[in-house]
PDB file of N, CA and C in Angstrom:
ATOM      1  N   UNK A   1       0.742  -1.032   0.019  1.00  0.00           N
ATOM      2  CA  UNK A   1      -0.030  -0.059  -0.014  1.00  0.00           C
ATOM      3  C   UNK A   1       0.950   1.260   0.012  1.00  0.00           C
ATOM      4  N   UNK A   2       1.949   1.223   0.708  1.00  0.00           N
ATOM      5  CA  UNK A   2       2.858   2.323   0.711  1.00  0.00           C
ATOM      6  C   UNK A   2       3.341   2.668  -0.647  1.00  0.00           C
ATOM      7  N   UNK A   3       3.732   1.667  -1.477  1.00  0.00           N
ATOM      8  CA  UNK A   3       4.386   1.748  -2.586  1.00  0.00           C
ATOM      9  C   UNK A   3       3.321   2.584  -3.614  1.00  0.00           C
ATOM     10  N   UNK A   4       2.090   2.181  -3.492  1.00  0.00           N
ATOM     11  CA  UNK A   4       1.025   2.848  -4.237  1.00  0.00           C
ATOM     12  C   UNK A   4       0.787   4.170  -3.921  1.00  0.00           C
ATOM     13  N   UNK A   5       0.961   4.472  -2.687  1.00  0.00           N
ATOM     14  CA  UNK A   5       0.789   5.887  -2.239  1.00  0.00           C
ATOM     15  C   UNK A   5       1.926   6.588  -2.685  1.00  0.00           C
ATOM     16  N   UNK A   6       3.342   6.043  -2.755  1.00  0.00           N
ATOM     17  CA  UNK A   6       4.509   6.812  -3.144  1.00  0.00           C
ATOM     18  C   UNK A   6       4.348   7.168  -4.572  1.00  0.00           C
ATOM     19  N   UNK A   7       3.641   6.099  -5.495  1.00  0.00           N
ATOM     20  CA  UNK A   7       3.554   6.382  -6.836  1.00  0.00           C
ATOM     21  C   UNK A   7       2.438   7.474  -7.083  1.00  0.00           C
ATOM     22  N   UNK A   8       1.446   7.447  -6.244  1.00  0.00           N
ATOM     23  CA  UNK A   8       0.288   8.495  -6.542  1.00  0.00           C
ATOM     24  C   UNK A   8       0.962   9.839  -6.225  1.00  0.00           C
ATOM     25  N   UNK A   9       1.720   9.826  -5.001  1.00  0.00           N
ATOM     26  CA  UNK A   9       2.340  11.045  -4.723  1.00  0.00           C
ATOM     27  C   UNK A   9       3.294  11.650  -5.697  1.00  0.00           C
ATOM     28  N   UNK A  10       4.089  10.802  -6.295  1.00  0.00           N
ATOM     29  CA  UNK A  10       5.093  11.176  -7.394  1.00  0.00           C
ATOM     30  C   UNK A  10       4.434  11.724  -8.639  1.00  0.00           C
ATOM     31  N   UNK A  11       3.323  10.848  -8.941  1.00  0.00           N
ATOM     32  CA  UNK A  11       2.477  11.438 -10.170  1.00  0.00           C
ATOM     33  C   UNK A  11       1.920  12.646  -9.904  1.00  0.00           C
ATOM     34  N   UNK A  12       1.260  12.986  -8.700  1.00  0.00           N
ATOM     35  CA  UNK A  12       0.690  14.290  -8.647  1.00  0.00           C
ATOM     36  C   UNK A  12       1.587  15.284  -8.475  1.00  0.00           C
ATOM     37  N   UNK A  13       2.750  15.008  -7.901  1.00  0.00           N
ATOM     38  CA  UNK A  13       3.815  16.059  -7.811  1.00  0.00           C
ATOM     39  C   UNK A  13       4.293  16.447  -9.034  1.00  0.00           C
ATOM     40  N   UNK A  14       4.580  15.507  -9.981  1.00  0.00           N
ATOM     41  CA  UNK A  14       4.978  15.807 -11.378  1.00  0.00           C
ATOM     42  C   UNK A  14       4.002  16.624 -12.051  1.00  0.00           C
ATOM     43  N   UNK A  15       2.672  16.235 -11.949  1.00  0.00           N
ATOM     44  CA  UNK A  15       1.756  17.130 -12.518  1.00  0.00           C
ATOM     45  C   UNK A  15       1.670  18.557 -12.055  1.00  0.00           C
ATOM     46  N   UNK A  16       1.715  18.662 -10.853  1.00  0.00           N
ATOM     47  CA  UNK A  16       1.887  20.065 -10.303  1.00  0.00           C
ATOM     48  C   UNK A  16       2.854  20.834 -10.718  1.00  0.00           C
ATOM     49  N   UNK A  17       3.955  20.209 -10.874  1.00  0.00           N
ATOM     50  CA  UNK A  17       5.306  20.959 -11.336  1.00  0.00           C
ATOM     51  C   UNK A  17       4.981  21.403 -12.708  1.00  0.00           C
ATOM     52  N   UNK A  18       4.519  20.351 -13.556  1.00  0.00           N
ATOM     53  CA  UNK A  18       4.424  20.635 -15.004  1.00  0.00           C
ATOM     54  C   UNK A  18       3.422  21.824 -15.233  1.00  0.00           C
ATOM     55  N   UNK A  19       2.357  22.065 -14.370  1.00  0.00           N
ATOM     56  CA  UNK A  19       1.373  23.176 -14.531  1.00  0.00           C
ATOM     57  C   UNK A  19       2.098  24.436 -14.469  1.00  0.00           C
ATOM     58  N   UNK A  20       3.216  24.366 -13.610  1.00  0.00           N
ATOM     59  CA  UNK A  20       3.994  25.596 -13.326  1.00  0.00           C
ATOM     60  C   UNK A  20       4.991  25.944 -14.418  1.00  0.00           C
ATOM     61  N   UNK A  21       5.244  25.098 -15.117  1.00  0.00           N
ATOM     62  CA  UNK A  21       6.427  25.225 -16.284  1.00  0.00           C
ATOM     63  C   UNK A  21       6.021  26.418 -17.143  1.00  0.00           C
ATOM     64  N   UNK A  22       7.016  27.131 -17.659  1.00  0.00           N
ATOM     65  CA  UNK A  22       6.780  28.073 -18.652  1.00  0.00           C
ATOM     66  C   UNK A  22       6.697  27.524 -20.014  1.00  0.00           C
ATOM     67  N   UNK A  23       5.833  27.960 -20.936  1.00  0.00           N
ATOM     68  CA  UNK A  23       5.697  27.515 -22.340  1.00  0.00           C
ATOM     69  C   UNK A  23       7.002  27.622 -22.946  1.00  0.00           C
ATOM     70  N   UNK A  24       7.235  26.738 -23.982  1.00  0.00           N
ATOM     71  CA  UNK A  24       8.424  26.976 -24.703  1.00  0.00           C
ATOM     72  C   UNK A  24       8.573  28.211 -25.413  1.00  0.00           C
ATOM     73  N   UNK A  25       9.708  28.872 -25.630  1.00  0.00           N
ATOM     74  CA  UNK A  25       9.811  30.237 -26.267  1.00  0.00           C
ATOM     75  C   UNK A  25       9.690  30.035 -27.790  1.00  0.00           C
ATOM     76  N   UNK A  26       9.162  30.991 -28.512  1.00  0.00           N
ATOM     77  CA  UNK A  26       9.174  30.736 -29.904  1.00  0.00           C
ATOM     78  C   UNK A  26      10.364  31.261 -30.568  1.00  0.00           C
ATOM     79  N   UNK A  27      10.733  30.857 -31.622  1.00  0.00           N
ATOM     80  CA  UNK A  27      11.972  31.074 -32.265  1.00  0.00           C
ATOM     81  C   UNK A  27      11.926  32.469 -32.763  1.00  0.00           C
ATOM     82  N   UNK A  28      12.853  33.317 -32.693  1.00  0.00           N
ATOM     83  CA  UNK A  28      12.757  34.631 -33.193  1.00  0.00           C
ATOM     84  C   UNK A  28      12.639  34.736 -34.575  1.00  0.00           C
ATOM     85  N   UNK A  29      12.977  33.746 -35.445  1.00  0.00           N
ATOM     86  CA  UNK A  29      12.909  33.580 -36.965  1.00  0.00           C
ATOM     87  C   UNK A  29      11.495  33.272 -37.356  1.00  0.00           C
ATOM     88  N   UNK A  30      10.668  32.821 -36.362  1.00  0.00           N
ATOM     89  CA  UNK A  30       9.494  32.418 -36.870  1.00  0.00           C
ATOM     90  C   UNK A  30       8.432  33.581 -36.859  1.00  0.00           C
ATOM     91  N   UNK A  31       8.007  34.118 -38.119  1.00  0.00           N
ATOM     92  CA  UNK A  31       7.256  35.208 -37.996  1.00  0.00           C
ATOM     93  C   UNK A  31       5.781  34.839 -37.613  1.00  0.00           C
ATOM     94  N   UNK A  32       5.080  35.957 -37.370  1.00  0.00           N
ATOM     95  CA  UNK A  32       3.549  35.618 -36.784  1.00  0.00           C
ATOM     96  C   UNK A  32       2.829  35.190 -37.829  1.00  0.00           C
ATOM     97  N   UNK A  33       1.745  34.583 -37.582  1.00  0.00           N
ATOM     98  CA  UNK A  33       0.948  34.004 -38.691  1.00  0.00           C
ATOM     99  C   UNK A  33       0.314  35.180 -39.506  1.00  0.00           C
ATOM    100  N   UNK A  34       0.028  35.004 -40.732  1.00  0.00           N
ATOM    101  CA  UNK A  34      -0.545  36.038 -41.612  1.00  0.00           C
ATOM    102  C   UNK A  34      -1.961  36.048 -41.390  1.00  0.00           C
ATOM    103  N   UNK A  35      -2.531  37.216 -41.325  1.00  0.00           N
ATOM    104  CA  UNK A  35      -4.092  37.214 -41.232  1.00  0.00           C
ATOM    105  C   UNK A  35      -4.666  37.685 -42.651  1.00  0.00           C
ATOM    106  N   UNK A  36      -5.803  37.172 -42.818  1.00  0.00           N
ATOM    107  CA  UNK A  36      -6.513  37.490 -44.044  1.00  0.00           C
ATOM    108  C   UNK A  36      -7.313  38.691 -43.824  1.00  0.00           C
ATOM    109  N   UNK A  37      -7.509  39.195 -42.728  1.00  0.00           N
ATOM    110  CA  UNK A  37      -8.371  40.424 -42.500  1.00  0.00           C
ATOM    111  C   UNK A  37      -7.734  41.718 -43.180  1.00  0.00           C
ATOM    112  N   UNK A  38      -8.580  42.550 -43.816  1.00  0.00           N
ATOM    113  CA  UNK A  38      -7.993  43.814 -44.310  1.00  0.00           C
ATOM    114  C   UNK A  38      -8.291  44.756 -43.229  1.00  0.00           C
ATOM    115  N   UNK A  39      -7.282  45.633 -42.798  1.00  0.00           N
ATOM    116  CA  UNK A  39      -7.409  46.484 -41.717  1.00  0.00           C
ATOM    117  C   UNK A  39      -8.513  47.487 -42.042  1.00  0.00           C
ATOM    118  N   UNK A  40      -9.297  47.860 -40.995  1.00  0.00           N
ATOM    119  CA  UNK A  40     -10.250  48.699 -41.150  1.00  0.00           C
ATOM    120  C   UNK A  40      -9.743  50.222 -40.997  1.00  0.00           C
ATOM    121  N   UNK A  41      -9.944  51.046 -41.992  1.00  0.00           N
ATOM    122  CA  UNK A  41      -9.464  52.486 -41.873  1.00  0.00           C
ATOM    123  C   UNK A  41     -10.561  53.358 -42.228  1.00  0.00           C
ATOM    124  N   UNK A  42     -10.701  54.469 -41.398  1.00  0.00           N
ATOM    125  CA  UNK A  42     -11.918  55.352 -41.590  1.00  0.00           C
ATOM    126  C   UNK A  42     -11.753  56.168 -42.885  1.00  0.00           C
ATOM    127  N   UNK A  43     -12.828  56.211 -43.607  1.00  0.00           N
ATOM    128  CA  UNK A  43     -12.867  57.041 -44.810  1.00  0.00           C
ATOM    129  C   UNK A  43     -14.075  58.097 -44.582  1.00  0.00           C
ATOM    130  N   UNK A  44     -13.710  59.262 -43.886  1.00  0.00           N
ATOM    131  CA  UNK A  44     -14.761  60.189 -43.541  1.00  0.00           C
ATOM    132  C   UNK A  44     -15.614  60.668 -44.748  1.00  0.00           C
ATOM    133  N   UNK A  45     -14.968  60.800 -46.009  1.00  0.00           N
ATOM    134  CA  UNK A  45     -15.730  61.422 -47.067  1.00  0.00           C
ATOM    135  C   UNK A  45     -16.932  60.432 -47.380  1.00  0.00           C
ATOM    136  N   UNK A  46     -16.869  59.349 -47.213  1.00  0.00           N
ATOM    137  CA  UNK A  46     -18.094  58.348 -47.295  1.00  0.00           C
ATOM    138  C   UNK A  46     -19.163  58.574 -46.381  1.00  0.00           C
ATOM    139  N   UNK A  47     -18.968  59.167 -45.441  1.00  0.00           N
ATOM    140  CA  UNK A  47     -20.037  59.617 -44.388  1.00  0.00           C
ATOM    141  C   UNK A  47     -20.522  60.922 -44.351  1.00  0.00           C
ATOM    142  N   UNK A  48     -20.214  61.724 -45.202  1.00  0.00           N
ATOM    143  CA  UNK A  48     -20.583  63.149 -45.250  1.00  0.00           C
ATOM    144  C   UNK A  48     -22.139  63.345 -45.555  1.00  0.00           C
ATOM    145  N   UNK A  49     -22.665  62.329 -46.118  1.00  0.00           N
ATOM    146  CA  UNK A  49     -24.167  62.444 -46.356  1.00  0.00           C
ATOM    147  C   UNK A  49     -24.926  62.525 -44.962  1.00  0.00           C
ATOM    148  N   UNK A  50     -24.366  62.342 -43.932  1.00  0.00           N
ATOM    149  CA  UNK A  50     -25.057  62.193 -42.641  1.00  0.00           C
ATOM    150  C   UNK A  50     -24.928  63.688 -41.931  1.00  0.00           C
ATOM    151  N   UNK A  51     -24.162  64.476 -42.373  1.00  0.00           N
ATOM    152  CA  UNK A  51     -24.140  65.988 -41.866  1.00  0.00           C
ATOM    153  C   UNK A  51     -25.655  66.540 -41.949  1.00  0.00           C
ATOM    154  N   UNK A  52     -26.106  67.089 -40.973  1.00  0.00           N
ATOM    155  CA  UNK A  52     -27.354  67.631 -40.831  1.00  0.00           C
ATOM    156  C   UNK A  52     -28.505  66.654 -40.322  1.00  0.00           C
ATOM    157  N   UNK A  53     -28.138  65.230 -40.402  1.00  0.00           N
ATOM    158  CA  UNK A  53     -29.160  64.230 -39.921  1.00  0.00           C
ATOM    159  C   UNK A  53     -29.035  64.170 -38.411  1.00  0.00           C
ATOM    160  N   UNK A  54     -30.182  63.619 -37.678  1.00  0.00           N
ATOM    161  CA  UNK A  54     -30.210  63.308 -36.355  1.00  0.00           C
ATOM    162  C   UNK A  54     -29.349  62.090 -36.107  1.00  0.00           C
ATOM    163  N   UNK A  55     -28.518  62.129 -35.050  1.00  0.00           N
ATOM    164  CA  UNK A  55     -27.730  60.957 -34.895  1.00  0.00           C
ATOM    165  C   UNK A  55     -28.474  59.707 -34.109  1.00  0.00           C
ATOM    166  N   UNK A  56     -29.276  59.204 -34.882  1.00  0.00           N
ATOM    167  CA  UNK A  56     -29.995  58.010 -34.220  1.00  0.00           C
ATOM    168  C   UNK A  56     -28.991  56.830 -34.292  1.00  0.00           C
ATOM    169  N   UNK A  57     -29.394  55.679 -33.558  1.00  0.00           N
ATOM    170  CA  UNK A  57     -28.644  54.510 -33.722  1.00  0.00           C
ATOM    171  C   UNK A  57     -28.410  54.015 -35.103  1.00  0.00           C
ATOM    172  N   UNK A  58     -29.432  53.997 -35.924  1.00  0.00           N
ATOM    173  CA  UNK A  58     -29.432  53.499 -37.262  1.00  0.00           C
ATOM    174  C   UNK A  58     -28.417  54.314 -38.117  1.00  0.00           C
ATOM    175  N   UNK A  59     -28.443  55.663 -37.977  1.00  0.00           N
ATOM    176  CA  UNK A  59     -27.716  56.537 -38.812  1.00  0.00           C
ATOM    177  C   UNK A  59     -26.160  56.368 -38.291  1.00  0.00           C
ATOM    178  N   UNK A  60     -25.856  56.361 -37.047  1.00  0.00           N
ATOM    179  CA  UNK A  60     -24.652  56.191 -36.607  1.00  0.00           C
ATOM    180  C   UNK A  60     -24.010  54.816 -37.035  1.00  0.00           C
ATOM    181  N   UNK A  61     -24.603  53.736 -37.039  1.00  0.00           N
ATOM    182  CA  UNK A  61     -24.219  52.475 -37.359  1.00  0.00           C
ATOM    183  C   UNK A  61     -23.991  52.432 -38.891  1.00  0.00           C
ATOM    184  N   UNK A  62     -24.927  53.138 -39.633  1.00  0.00           N
ATOM    185  CA  UNK A  62     -24.687  53.293 -41.012  1.00  0.00           C
ATOM    186  C   UNK A  62     -23.456  53.998 -41.435  1.00  0.00           C
ATOM    187  N   UNK A  63     -23.293  55.216 -40.875  1.00  0.00           N
ATOM    188  CA  UNK A  63     -21.983  55.973 -41.072  1.00  0.00           C
ATOM    189  C   UNK A  63     -20.703  55.202 -40.707  1.00  0.00           C
ATOM    190  N   UNK A  64     -20.795  54.265 -39.602  1.00  0.00           N
ATOM    191  CA  UNK A  64     -19.654  53.486 -39.291  1.00  0.00           C
ATOM    192  C   UNK A  64     -19.369  52.675 -40.359  1.00  0.00           C
ATOM    193  N   UNK A  65     -20.474  51.899 -40.929  1.00  0.00           N
ATOM    194  CA  UNK A  65     -20.143  50.900 -42.049  1.00  0.00           C
ATOM    195  C   UNK A  65     -19.827  51.637 -43.274  1.00  0.00           C
ATOM    196  N   UNK A  66     -20.323  52.822 -43.549  1.00  0.00           N
ATOM    197  CA  UNK A  66     -19.954  53.511 -44.850  1.00  0.00           C
ATOM    198  C   UNK A  66     -18.584  53.946 -44.838  1.00  0.00           C
ATOM    199  N   UNK A  67     -18.107  54.342 -43.775  1.00  0.00           N
ATOM    200  CA  UNK A  67     -16.748  54.906 -43.721  1.00  0.00           C
ATOM    201  C   UNK A  67     -15.787  53.663 -43.406  1.00  0.00           C
ATOM    202  N   UNK A  68     -16.150  52.471 -43.365  1.00  0.00           N
ATOM    203  CA  UNK A  68     -15.359  51.370 -43.130  1.00  0.00           C
ATOM    204  C   UNK A  68     -14.662  51.513 -41.807  1.00  0.00           C
ATOM    205  N   UNK A  69     -15.163  51.891 -40.921  1.00  0.00           N
ATOM    206  CA  UNK A  69     -14.511  52.149 -39.417  1.00  0.00           C
ATOM    207  C   UNK A  69     -14.832  50.870 -38.615  1.00  0.00           C
ATOM    208  N   UNK A  70     -13.814  50.791 -37.767  1.00  0.00           N
ATOM    209  CA  UNK A  70     -14.078  49.702 -36.728  1.00  0.00           C
ATOM    210  C   UNK A  70     -14.919  50.080 -35.543  1.00  0.00           C
ATOM    211  N   UNK A  71     -14.777  51.385 -35.355  1.00  0.00           N
ATOM    212  CA  UNK A  71     -15.473  51.988 -34.126  1.00  0.00           C
ATOM    213  C   UNK A  71     -16.011  53.385 -34.393  1.00  0.00           C
ATOM    214  N   UNK A  72     -16.727  53.967 -33.502  1.00  0.00           N
ATOM    215  CA  UNK A  72     -17.205  55.228 -33.788  1.00  0.00           C
ATOM    216  C   UNK A  72     -17.352  55.898 -32.378  1.00  0.00           C
ATOM    217  N   UNK A  73     -17.442  57.263 -32.405  1.00  0.00           N
ATOM    218  CA  UNK A  73     -17.798  58.257 -31.191  1.00  0.00           C
ATOM    219  C   UNK A  73     -18.902  59.163 -31.566  1.00  0.00           C
ATOM    220  N   UNK A  74     -19.722  59.360 -30.858  1.00  0.00           N
ATOM    221  CA  UNK A  74     -20.585  60.530 -31.004  1.00  0.00           C
ATOM    222  C   UNK A  74     -20.318  61.432 -30.005  1.00  0.00           C
ATOM    223  N   UNK A  75     -19.806  62.669 -30.439  1.00  0.00           N
ATOM    224  CA  UNK A  75     -19.280  63.723 -29.564  1.00  0.00           C
ATOM    225  C   UNK A  75     -20.233  64.896 -29.442  1.00  0.00           C
ATOM    226  N   UNK A  76     -20.634  64.957 -28.160  1.00  0.00           N
ATOM    227  CA  UNK A  76     -21.707  66.236 -27.971  1.00  0.00           C
ATOM    228  C   UNK A  76     -20.901  67.306 -27.560  1.00  0.00           C
ATOM    229  N   UNK A  77     -21.492  68.566 -27.708  1.00  0.00           N
ATOM    230  CA  UNK A  77     -20.956  69.872 -27.197  1.00  0.00           C
ATOM    231  C   UNK A  77     -20.464  69.554 -25.749  1.00  0.00           C
ATOM    232  N   UNK A  78     -19.220  70.011 -25.420  1.00  0.00           N
ATOM    233  CA  UNK A  78     -18.655  70.062 -24.077  1.00  0.00           C
ATOM    234  C   UNK A  78     -18.300  68.610 -23.516  1.00  0.00           C
ATOM    235  N   UNK A  79     -18.553  67.595 -24.269  1.00  0.00           N
ATOM    236  CA  UNK A  79     -18.213  66.375 -23.773  1.00  0.00           C
ATOM    237  C   UNK A  79     -16.606  66.086 -23.808  1.00  0.00           C
ATOM    238  N   UNK A  80     -16.153  65.533 -22.794  1.00  0.00           N
ATOM    239  CA  UNK A  80     -14.636  65.267 -22.481  1.00  0.00           C
ATOM    240  C   UNK A  80     -14.400  64.045 -23.563  1.00  0.00           C
ATOM    241  N   UNK A  81     -13.371  64.063 -24.352  1.00  0.00           N
ATOM    242  CA  UNK A  81     -12.877  62.879 -25.087  1.00  0.00           C
ATOM    243  C   UNK A  81     -11.376  62.859 -25.130  1.00  0.00           C
ATOM    244  N   UNK A  82     -10.970  61.641 -25.321  1.00  0.00           N
ATOM    245  CA  UNK A  82      -9.476  61.447 -25.334  1.00  0.00           C
ATOM    246  C   UNK A  82      -9.029  62.160 -26.586  1.00  0.00           C
ATOM    247  N   UNK A  83      -7.669  62.425 -26.637  1.00  0.00           N
ATOM    248  CA  UNK A  83      -6.986  63.083 -27.762  1.00  0.00           C
ATOM    249  C   UNK A  83      -6.208  62.036 -28.748  1.00  0.00           C
ATOM    250  N   UNK A  84      -6.469  60.832 -28.360  1.00  0.00           N
ATOM    251  CA  UNK A  84      -5.666  59.874 -29.098  1.00  0.00           C
ATOM    252  C   UNK A  84      -6.220  59.774 -30.432  1.00  0.00           C
ATOM    253  N   UNK A  85      -5.451  59.505 -31.456  1.00  0.00           N
ATOM    254  CA  UNK A  85      -5.902  59.453 -33.117  1.00  0.00           C
ATOM    255  C   UNK A  85      -6.084  57.838 -33.210  1.00  0.00           C
ATOM    256  N   UNK A  86      -7.113  57.475 -33.798  1.00  0.00           N
ATOM    257  CA  UNK A  86      -7.222  56.279 -34.404  1.00  0.00           C
ATOM    258  C   UNK A  86      -7.687  56.052 -35.663  1.00  0.00           C
ATOM    259  N   UNK A  87      -6.955  55.480 -36.617  1.00  0.00           N
ATOM    260  CA  UNK A  87      -7.374  55.746 -37.938  1.00  0.00           C
ATOM    261  C   UNK A  87      -8.672  54.782 -38.237  1.00  0.00           C
ATOM    262  N   UNK A  88      -8.990  53.827 -37.385  1.00  0.00           N
ATOM    263  CA  UNK A  88     -10.080  53.076 -37.673  1.00  0.00           C
ATOM    264  C   UNK A  88     -11.309  53.452 -36.897  1.00  0.00           C
ATOM    265  N   UNK A  89     -11.248  54.799 -36.311  1.00  0.00           N
ATOM    266  CA  UNK A  89     -12.451  55.336 -35.651  1.00  0.00           C
ATOM    267  C   UNK A  89     -13.021  56.601 -36.458  1.00  0.00           C
ATOM    268  N   UNK A  90     -14.381  56.505 -36.514  1.00  0.00           N
ATOM    269  CA  UNK A  90     -15.011  57.645 -37.139  1.00  0.00           C
ATOM    270  C   UNK A  90     -15.581  58.393 -35.783  1.00  0.00           C
ATOM    271  N   UNK A  91     -15.569  59.721 -35.918  1.00  0.00           N
ATOM    272  CA  UNK A  91     -16.154  60.666 -35.046  1.00  0.00           C
ATOM    273  C   UNK A  91     -17.213  61.428 -35.535  1.00  0.00           C
ATOM    274  N   UNK A  92     -18.489  61.495 -35.001  1.00  0.00           N
ATOM    275  CA  UNK A  92     -19.582  62.119 -35.264  1.00  0.00           C
ATOM    276  C   UNK A  92     -19.860  63.337 -34.216  1.00  0.00           C
ATOM    277  N   UNK A  93     -19.425  64.591 -34.566  1.00  0.00           N
ATOM    278  CA  UNK A  93     -19.830  65.564 -33.773  1.00  0.00           C
ATOM    279  C   UNK A  93     -21.350  65.997 -33.899  1.00  0.00           C
ATOM    280  N   UNK A  94     -21.919  66.232 -32.888  1.00  0.00           N
ATOM    281  CA  UNK A  94     -23.386  66.696 -32.943  1.00  0.00           C
ATOM    282  C   UNK A  94     -23.509  67.941 -32.086  1.00  0.00           C
ATOM    283  N   UNK A  95     -24.665  68.525 -32.396  1.00  0.00           N
ATOM    284  CA  UNK A  95     -24.952  69.742 -31.669  1.00  0.00           C
ATOM    285  C   UNK A  95     -25.880  69.549 -30.437  1.00  0.00           C
ATOM    286  N   UNK A  96     -26.433  70.611 -29.839  1.00  0.00           N
ATOM    287  CA  UNK A  96     -27.241  70.267 -28.806  1.00  0.00           C
ATOM    288  C   UNK A  96     -28.728  69.698 -29.104  1.00  0.00           C
ATOM    289  N   UNK A  97     -28.986  69.461 -30.371  1.00  0.00           N
ATOM    290  CA  UNK A  97     -30.205  68.830 -30.663  1.00  0.00           C
ATOM    291  C   UNK A  97     -29.874  67.549 -31.302  1.00  0.00           C
ATOM    292  N   UNK A  98     -28.508  67.085 -31.075  1.00  0.00           N
ATOM    293  CA  UNK A  98     -28.251  65.754 -31.546  1.00  0.00           C
ATOM    294  C   UNK A  98     -28.186  65.629 -33.035  1.00  0.00           C
ATOM    295  N   UNK A  99     -27.867  66.834 -33.709  1.00  0.00           N
ATOM    296  CA  UNK A  99     -27.784  66.834 -35.194  1.00  0.00           C
ATOM    297  C   UNK A  99     -26.276  66.691 -35.523  1.00  0.00           C
ATOM    298  N   UNK A 100     -26.032  65.850 -36.468  1.00  0.00           N
ATOM    299  CA  UNK A 100     -24.640  65.720 -36.755  1.00  0.00           C
ATOM    300  C   UNK A 100     -24.097  66.935 -37.633  1.00  0.00           C
ATOM    301  N   UNK A 101     -23.042  67.593 -36.978  1.00  0.00           N
ATOM    302  CA  UNK A 101     -22.425  68.745 -37.527  1.00  0.00           C
ATOM    303  C   UNK A 101     -21.023  68.392 -38.337  1.00  0.00           C
ATOM    304  N   UNK A 102     -20.519  67.322 -37.981  1.00  0.00           N
ATOM    305  CA  UNK A 102     -19.290  66.832 -38.866  1.00  0.00           C
ATOM    306  C   UNK A 102     -18.931  65.378 -38.631  1.00  0.00           C
ATOM    307  N   UNK A 103     -18.382  64.780 -39.718  1.00  0.00           N
ATOM    308  CA  UNK A 103     -18.052  63.401 -39.650  1.00  0.00           C
ATOM    309  C   UNK A 103     -16.515  63.407 -40.113  1.00  0.00           C
ATOM    310  N   UNK A 104     -15.685  62.919 -39.056  1.00  0.00           N
ATOM    311  CA  UNK A 104     -14.207  62.987 -39.279  1.00  0.00           C
ATOM    312  C   UNK A 104     -13.620  61.819 -38.709  1.00  0.00           C
ATOM    313  N   UNK A 105     -12.587  61.443 -39.102  1.00  0.00           N
ATOM    314  CA  UNK A 105     -11.804  60.308 -38.632  1.00  0.00           C
ATOM    315  C   UNK A 105     -11.015  60.640 -37.205  1.00  0.00           C
ATOM    316  N   UNK A 106     -10.508  59.669 -36.456  1.00  0.00           N
ATOM    317  CA  UNK A 106      -9.721  59.906 -35.495  1.00  0.00           C
ATOM    318  C   UNK A 106     -10.403  59.060 -34.199  1.00  0.00           C
TER     319      UNK A 106
END
């Protein structure tokens, strides 16, 4: 019985240590796998039709799709926004009545 306990202890200890081991390092010569996705880049000119429209969910999502942007922001007057520039984001500036005054990238 003690031999069986010793074997079980050794096996469980080995498994516990294996779980803590670091994964093997990738070779620096191995390039990352290529992706088939085309990067989304904002094309603000394709969303200019929305200037003057009320920024409803439907309009905003259509502008995002038309400008081929991955994300969007609706920016109201006085609203705090980050100053980071993202080429895959479309910004919709709106006035106090939620009417789109500008469509721009960033």
